[in-house]
C-alpha atoms as a PDB file:
ATOM      1  CA  MET A   1       0.000   0.000   0.000  1.00  0.00           C
ATOM      2  CA  GLN A   2       1.276   3.435  -0.856  1.00  0.00           C
ATOM      3  CA  ASP A   3       0.588   7.066  -0.117  1.00  0.00           C
ATOM      4  CA  GLY A   4       2.381   8.918  -2.886  1.00  0.00           C
ATOM      5  CA  THR A   5       5.739   7.258  -3.474  1.00  0.00           C
ATOM      6  CA  SER A   6       6.386   5.666  -0.087  1.00  0.00           C
ATOM      7  CA  PRO A   7       4.798   2.756   1.791  1.00  0.00           C
ATOM      8  CA  ALA A   8       1.706   3.765   3.737  1.00  0.00           C
ATOM      9  CA  ILE A   9       1.977   3.948   7.502  1.00  0.00           C
ATOM     10  CA  ALA A  10      -1.778   4.352   7.955  1.00  0.00           C
ATOM     11  CA  LEU A  11      -4.439   3.475   5.391  1.00  0.00           C
ATOM     12  CA  ARG A  12      -6.701   6.294   4.195  1.00  0.00           C
ATOM     13  CA  PHE A  13      -9.845   5.397   2.260  1.00  0.00           C
ATOM     14  CA  ARG A  14     -12.105   7.740   0.328  1.00  0.00           C
ATOM     15  CA  ARG A  15     -15.586   8.337   1.696  1.00  0.00           C
ATOM     16  CA  SER A  16     -16.844   9.573  -1.651  1.00  0.00           C
ATOM     17  CA  PRO A  17     -15.572   9.431  -5.241  1.00  0.00           C
ATOM     18  CA  GLY A  18     -12.579  11.590  -6.019  1.00  0.00           C
ATOM     19  CA  ARG A  19      -9.807  12.417  -8.430  1.00  0.00           C
ATOM     20  CA  LEU A  20      -6.954   9.955  -8.638  1.00  0.00           C
ATOM     21  CA  TRP A  21      -4.348  12.722  -8.579  1.00  0.00           C
ATOM     22  CA  SER A  22      -5.637  14.388  -5.399  1.00  0.00           C
ATOM     23  CA  GLY A  23      -3.326  12.180  -3.313  1.00  0.00           C
ATOM     24  CA  ASP A  24      -5.680  12.000  -0.356  1.00  0.00           C
ATOM     25  CA  SER A  25      -6.093   8.229  -0.246  1.00  0.00           C
ATOM     26  CA  THR A  26      -4.057   5.043  -0.135  1.00  0.00           C
ATOM     27  CA  ARG A  27      -3.602   2.888  -3.211  1.00  0.00           C
ATOM     28  CA  ALA A  28      -2.279  -0.629  -3.622  1.00  0.00           C
ATOM     29  CA  VAL A  29       0.559  -1.124  -6.100  1.00  0.00           C
ATOM     30  CA  VAL A  30       0.813  -4.651  -7.460  1.00  0.00           C
ATOM     31  CA  SER A  31       3.952  -5.896  -9.196  1.00  0.00           C
ATOM     32  CA  PHE A  32       4.637  -9.259 -10.769  1.00  0.00           C
ATOM     33  CA  THR A  33       7.908 -11.173 -10.506  1.00  0.00           C
ATOM     34  CA  ASP A  34       7.905 -12.491 -14.076  1.00  0.00           C
ATOM     35  CA  THR A  35       7.246  -9.122 -15.756  1.00  0.00           C
ATOM     36  CA  GLN A  36       7.839  -5.427 -15.186  1.00  0.00           C
ATOM     37  CA  LYS A  37       4.128  -4.666 -15.480  1.00  0.00           C
ATOM     38  CA  LYS A  38       2.601  -2.928 -12.459  1.00  0.00           C
ATOM     39  CA  LEU A  39      -1.015  -2.318 -11.558  1.00  0.00           C
ATOM     40  CA  GLU A  40      -2.620   0.080  -9.110  1.00  0.00           C
ATOM     41  CA  ILE A  41      -5.812  -0.582  -7.176  1.00  0.00           C
ATOM     42  CA  HIS A  42      -7.840   2.476  -6.176  1.00  0.00           C
ATOM     43  CA  LEU A  43     -11.104   2.927  -4.282  1.00  0.00           C
ATOM     44  CA  GLY A  44     -13.621   5.526  -5.437  1.00  0.00           C
ATOM     45  CA  VAL A  45     -11.954   7.219  -8.388  1.00  0.00           C
ATOM     46  CA  TYR A  46     -13.266   8.582 -11.663  1.00  0.00           C
ATOM     47  CA  VAL A  47     -12.172   7.027 -14.956  1.00  0.00           C
ATOM     48  CA  ALA A  48     -12.826   8.683 -18.336  1.00  0.00           C
ATOM     49  CA  ALA A  49     -14.717   6.479 -20.796  1.00  0.00           C
ATOM     50  CA  THR A  50     -12.818   5.607 -23.960  1.00  0.00           C
ATOM     51  CA  THR A  51     -15.407   6.835 -26.462  1.00  0.00           C
ATOM     52  CA  SER A  52     -17.510   9.518 -24.733  1.00  0.00           C
ATOM     53  CA  LYS A  53     -14.698  10.820 -22.464  1.00  0.00           C
ATOM     54  CA  VAL A  54     -17.308  11.117 -19.678  1.00  0.00           C
ATOM     55  CA  ALA A  55     -15.861  10.497 -16.211  1.00  0.00           C
ATOM     56  CA  HIS A  56     -17.496   7.534 -14.482  1.00  0.00           C
ATOM     57  CA  GLU A  57     -17.128   6.631 -10.817  1.00  0.00           C
ATOM     58  CA  CYS A  58     -15.479   3.276 -10.177  1.00  0.00           C
ATOM     59  CA  ASP A  59     -15.927   1.896  -6.670  1.00  0.00           C
ATOM     60  CA  VAL A  60     -12.815  -0.232  -7.221  1.00  0.00           C
ATOM     61  CA  ALA A  61     -10.549   0.504 -10.187  1.00  0.00           C
ATOM     62  CA  VAL A  62      -7.601  -1.648 -11.217  1.00  0.00           C
ATOM     63  CA  LEU A  63      -5.438   0.524 -13.451  1.00  0.00           C
ATOM     64  CA  ASP A  64      -2.274   0.102 -15.439  1.00  0.00           C
ATOM     65  CA  HIS A  65       0.470   1.807 -13.402  1.00  0.00           C
ATOM     66  CA  GLN A  66       1.638   3.912 -16.364  1.00  0.00           C
ATOM     67  CA  GLU A  67      -1.899   5.210 -16.938  1.00  0.00           C
ATOM     68  CA  ALA A  68      -2.223   6.091 -13.244  1.00  0.00           C
ATOM     69  CA  GLU A  69       1.117   7.925 -13.373  1.00  0.00           C
ATOM     70  CA  ARG A  70      -0.052   9.838 -16.478  1.00  0.00           C
ATOM     71  CA  SER A  71      -3.230  10.789 -14.631  1.00  0.00           C
ATOM     72  CA  ARG A  72      -1.296  12.116 -11.636  1.00  0.00           C
ATOM     73  CA  ARG A  73       1.214  14.069 -13.749  1.00  0.00           C
ATOM     74  CA  ALA A  74      -1.383  15.677 -16.050  1.00  0.00           C
ATOM     75  CA  MET A  75      -4.055  16.004 -13.321  1.00  0.00           C
ATOM     76  CA  VAL A  76      -6.653  14.332 -15.540  1.00  0.00           C
ATOM     77  CA  HIS A  77      -8.874  11.313 -15.021  1.00  0.00           C
ATOM     78  CA  PRO A  78      -7.293   8.021 -16.093  1.00  0.00           C
ATOM     79  CA  ARG A  79      -8.488   6.846 -19.487  1.00  0.00           C
ATOM     80  CA  GLY A  80     -10.687   3.807 -19.928  1.00  0.00           C
ATOM     81  CA  LYS A  81      -8.029   2.159 -22.070  1.00  0.00           C
ATOM     82  CA  GLY A  82      -5.783   1.982 -18.978  1.00  0.00           C
ATOM     83  CA  LEU A  83      -8.533   0.375 -16.907  1.00  0.00           C
ATOM     84  CA  VAL A  84      -7.854  -3.319 -16.310  1.00  0.00           C
ATOM     85  CA  ALA A  85     -10.948  -3.962 -14.172  1.00  0.00           C
ATOM     86  CA  ALA A  86     -13.755  -2.003 -12.535  1.00  0.00           C
ATOM     87  CA  ILE A  87     -15.918  -3.229  -9.692  1.00  0.00           C
ATOM     88  CA  GLU A  88     -19.204  -1.562  -8.888  1.00  0.00           C
ATOM     89  CA  ALA A  89     -19.927  -2.482  -5.267  1.00  0.00           C
ATOM     90  CA  LYS A  90     -23.392  -1.992  -3.812  1.00  0.00           C
ATOM     91  CA  HIS A  91     -24.905  -2.865  -0.459  1.00  0.00           C
ATOM     92  CA  TYR A  92     -28.662  -3.163  -0.106  1.00  0.00           C
ATOM     93  CA  GLY A  93     -30.896  -4.694   2.525  1.00  0.00           C
ATOM     94  CA  THR A  94     -33.224  -5.826  -0.271  1.00  0.00           C
ATOM     95  CA  SER A  95     -32.773  -6.703  -3.925  1.00  0.00           C
ATOM     96  CA  PRO A  96     -31.527  -3.694  -5.904  1.00  0.00           C
ATOM     97  CA  GLY A  97     -33.931  -2.004  -8.278  1.00  0.00           C
ATOM     98  CA  LEU A  98     -33.893  -2.066 -12.053  1.00  0.00           C
ATOM     99  CA  GLY A  99     -32.132   1.312 -12.158  1.00  0.00           C
ATOM    100  CA  ILE A 100     -28.999  -0.195 -10.606  1.00  0.00           C
ATOM    101  CA  GLY A 101     -28.806  -2.806 -13.353  1.00  0.00           C
ATOM    102  CA  ARG A 102     -29.397  -0.205 -16.053  1.00  0.00           C
ATOM    103  CA  GLY A 103     -26.751   2.074 -14.591  1.00  0.00           C
ATOM    104  CA  PHE A 104     -24.262  -0.769 -14.502  1.00  0.00           C
ATOM    105  CA  SER A 105     -25.109  -1.719 -18.097  1.00  0.00           C
ATOM    106  CA  GLY A 106     -24.266   1.830 -19.160  1.00  0.00           C
ATOM    107  CA  LEU A 107     -20.986   1.751 -17.247  1.00  0.00           C
ATOM    108  CA  ALA A 108     -20.048  -1.612 -18.766  1.00  0.00           C
ATOM    109  CA  LYS A 109     -20.864  -0.353 -22.267  1.00  0.00           C
ATOM    110  CA  GLU A 110     -18.690   2.736 -21.772  1.00  0.00           C
ATOM    111  CA  MET A 111     -15.765   0.977 -20.093  1.00  0.00           C
ATOM    112  CA  GLY A 112     -15.883  -2.413 -21.787  1.00  0.00           C
ATOM    113  CA  GLY A 113     -18.126  -5.169 -20.498  1.00  0.00           C
ATOM    114  CA  LYS A 114     -15.349  -7.684 -19.890  1.00  0.00           C
ATOM    115  CA  LYS A 115     -13.614  -5.244 -17.536  1.00  0.00           C
ATOM    116  CA  CYS A 116     -16.627  -4.530 -15.320  1.00  0.00           C
ATOM    117  CA  SER A 117     -18.212  -6.470 -12.468  1.00  0.00           C
ATOM    118  CA  LEU A 118     -21.217  -5.660 -10.304  1.00  0.00           C
ATOM    119  CA  VAL A 119     -21.034  -7.120  -6.810  1.00  0.00           C
ATOM    120  CA  PHE A 120     -23.512  -6.848  -3.985  1.00  0.00           C
ATOM    121  CA  PRO A 121     -24.520  -9.113  -1.128  1.00  0.00           C
ATOM    122  CA  SER A 122     -28.238  -9.760  -1.006  1.00  0.00           C
ATOM    123  CA  GLN A 123     -28.012  -9.289   2.738  1.00  0.00           C
ATOM    124  CA  SER A 124     -24.989  -9.254   4.987  1.00  0.00           C
ATOM    125  CA  SER A 125     -24.564 -10.222   8.599  1.00  0.00           C
ATOM    126  CA  THR A 126     -24.407  -6.537   9.560  1.00  0.00           C
ATOM    127  CA  THR A 127     -27.757  -5.942   7.876  1.00  0.00           C
ATOM    128  CA  ARG A 128     -29.269  -8.947   9.646  1.00  0.00           C
ATOM    129  CA  ARG A 129     -27.929  -7.750  12.986  1.00  0.00           C
ATOM    130  CA  SER A 130     -29.225  -4.239  12.305  1.00  0.00           C
ATOM    131  CA  ASP A 131     -32.646  -5.614  11.310  1.00  0.00           C
ATOM    132  CA  ARG A 132     -32.870  -7.635  14.524  1.00  0.00           C
ATOM    133  CA  GLN A 133     -31.928  -4.605  16.572  1.00  0.00           C
ATOM    134  CA  LYS A 134     -34.826  -2.737  14.949  1.00  0.00           C
ATOM    135  CA  GLY A 135     -37.169  -5.614  15.785  1.00  0.00           C
ATOM    136  CA  GLN A 136     -37.452  -6.683  12.147  1.00  0.00           C
ATOM    137  CA  ARG A 137     -37.108 -10.219  10.965  1.00  0.00           C
ATOM    138  CA  GLY A 138     -33.798 -10.988   9.260  1.00  0.00           C
ATOM    139  CA  ILE A 139     -32.678 -13.929   7.192  1.00  0.00           C
ATOM    140  CA  PRO A 140     -32.146 -16.905   9.508  1.00  0.00           C
ATOM    141  CA  PRO A 141     -28.555 -18.063   9.938  1.00  0.00           C
ATOM    142  CA  VAL A 142     -27.348 -21.036   7.939  1.00  0.00           C
ATOM    143  CA  ALA A 143     -28.140 -24.193   9.875  1.00  0.00           C
ATOM    144  CA  SER A 144     -25.215 -26.394  10.771  1.00  0.00           C
ATOM    145  CA  ARG A 145     -25.554 -30.115  10.921  1.00  0.00           C
ATOM    146  CA  ASP A 146     -24.107 -30.787  14.323  1.00  0.00           C
ATOM    147  CA  ASP A 147     -26.560 -33.437  15.455  1.00  0.00           C
ATOM    148  CA  GLY A 148     -24.034 -36.250  15.972  1.00  0.00           C
ATOM    149  CA  ARG A 149     -24.456 -37.831  12.530  1.00  0.00           C
END
């Protein structure tokens, strides 16, 4: 993990989408032993679509290191062609609406469908715990088969 050019002492995560070059959050730099290629993993940055040039928010963006460096130097959003993978992460207590799927379809079309993933838990343990605290019924825990058989 890095902050700027040195290893991070404390991790800083964005609370809302931001510009990659602002330098106010930690990024992961991934290198591979068999090649000189490097990747950067960022949370909550904008990436410019290849065709429309519109900046789209990526909850998790895996970028080519050279493209991320270009973005920082020029103070511009990284280009879609330097995007290796984008993850749109959502958290809902219920099934997401049709608008979420349509929005993701637009993002995938702009960035390249094979690069994009939509991930969301249908309901997490924190949601279940929160629901129980409110007196609502949550999803029952997975039953374990510990009956001696």
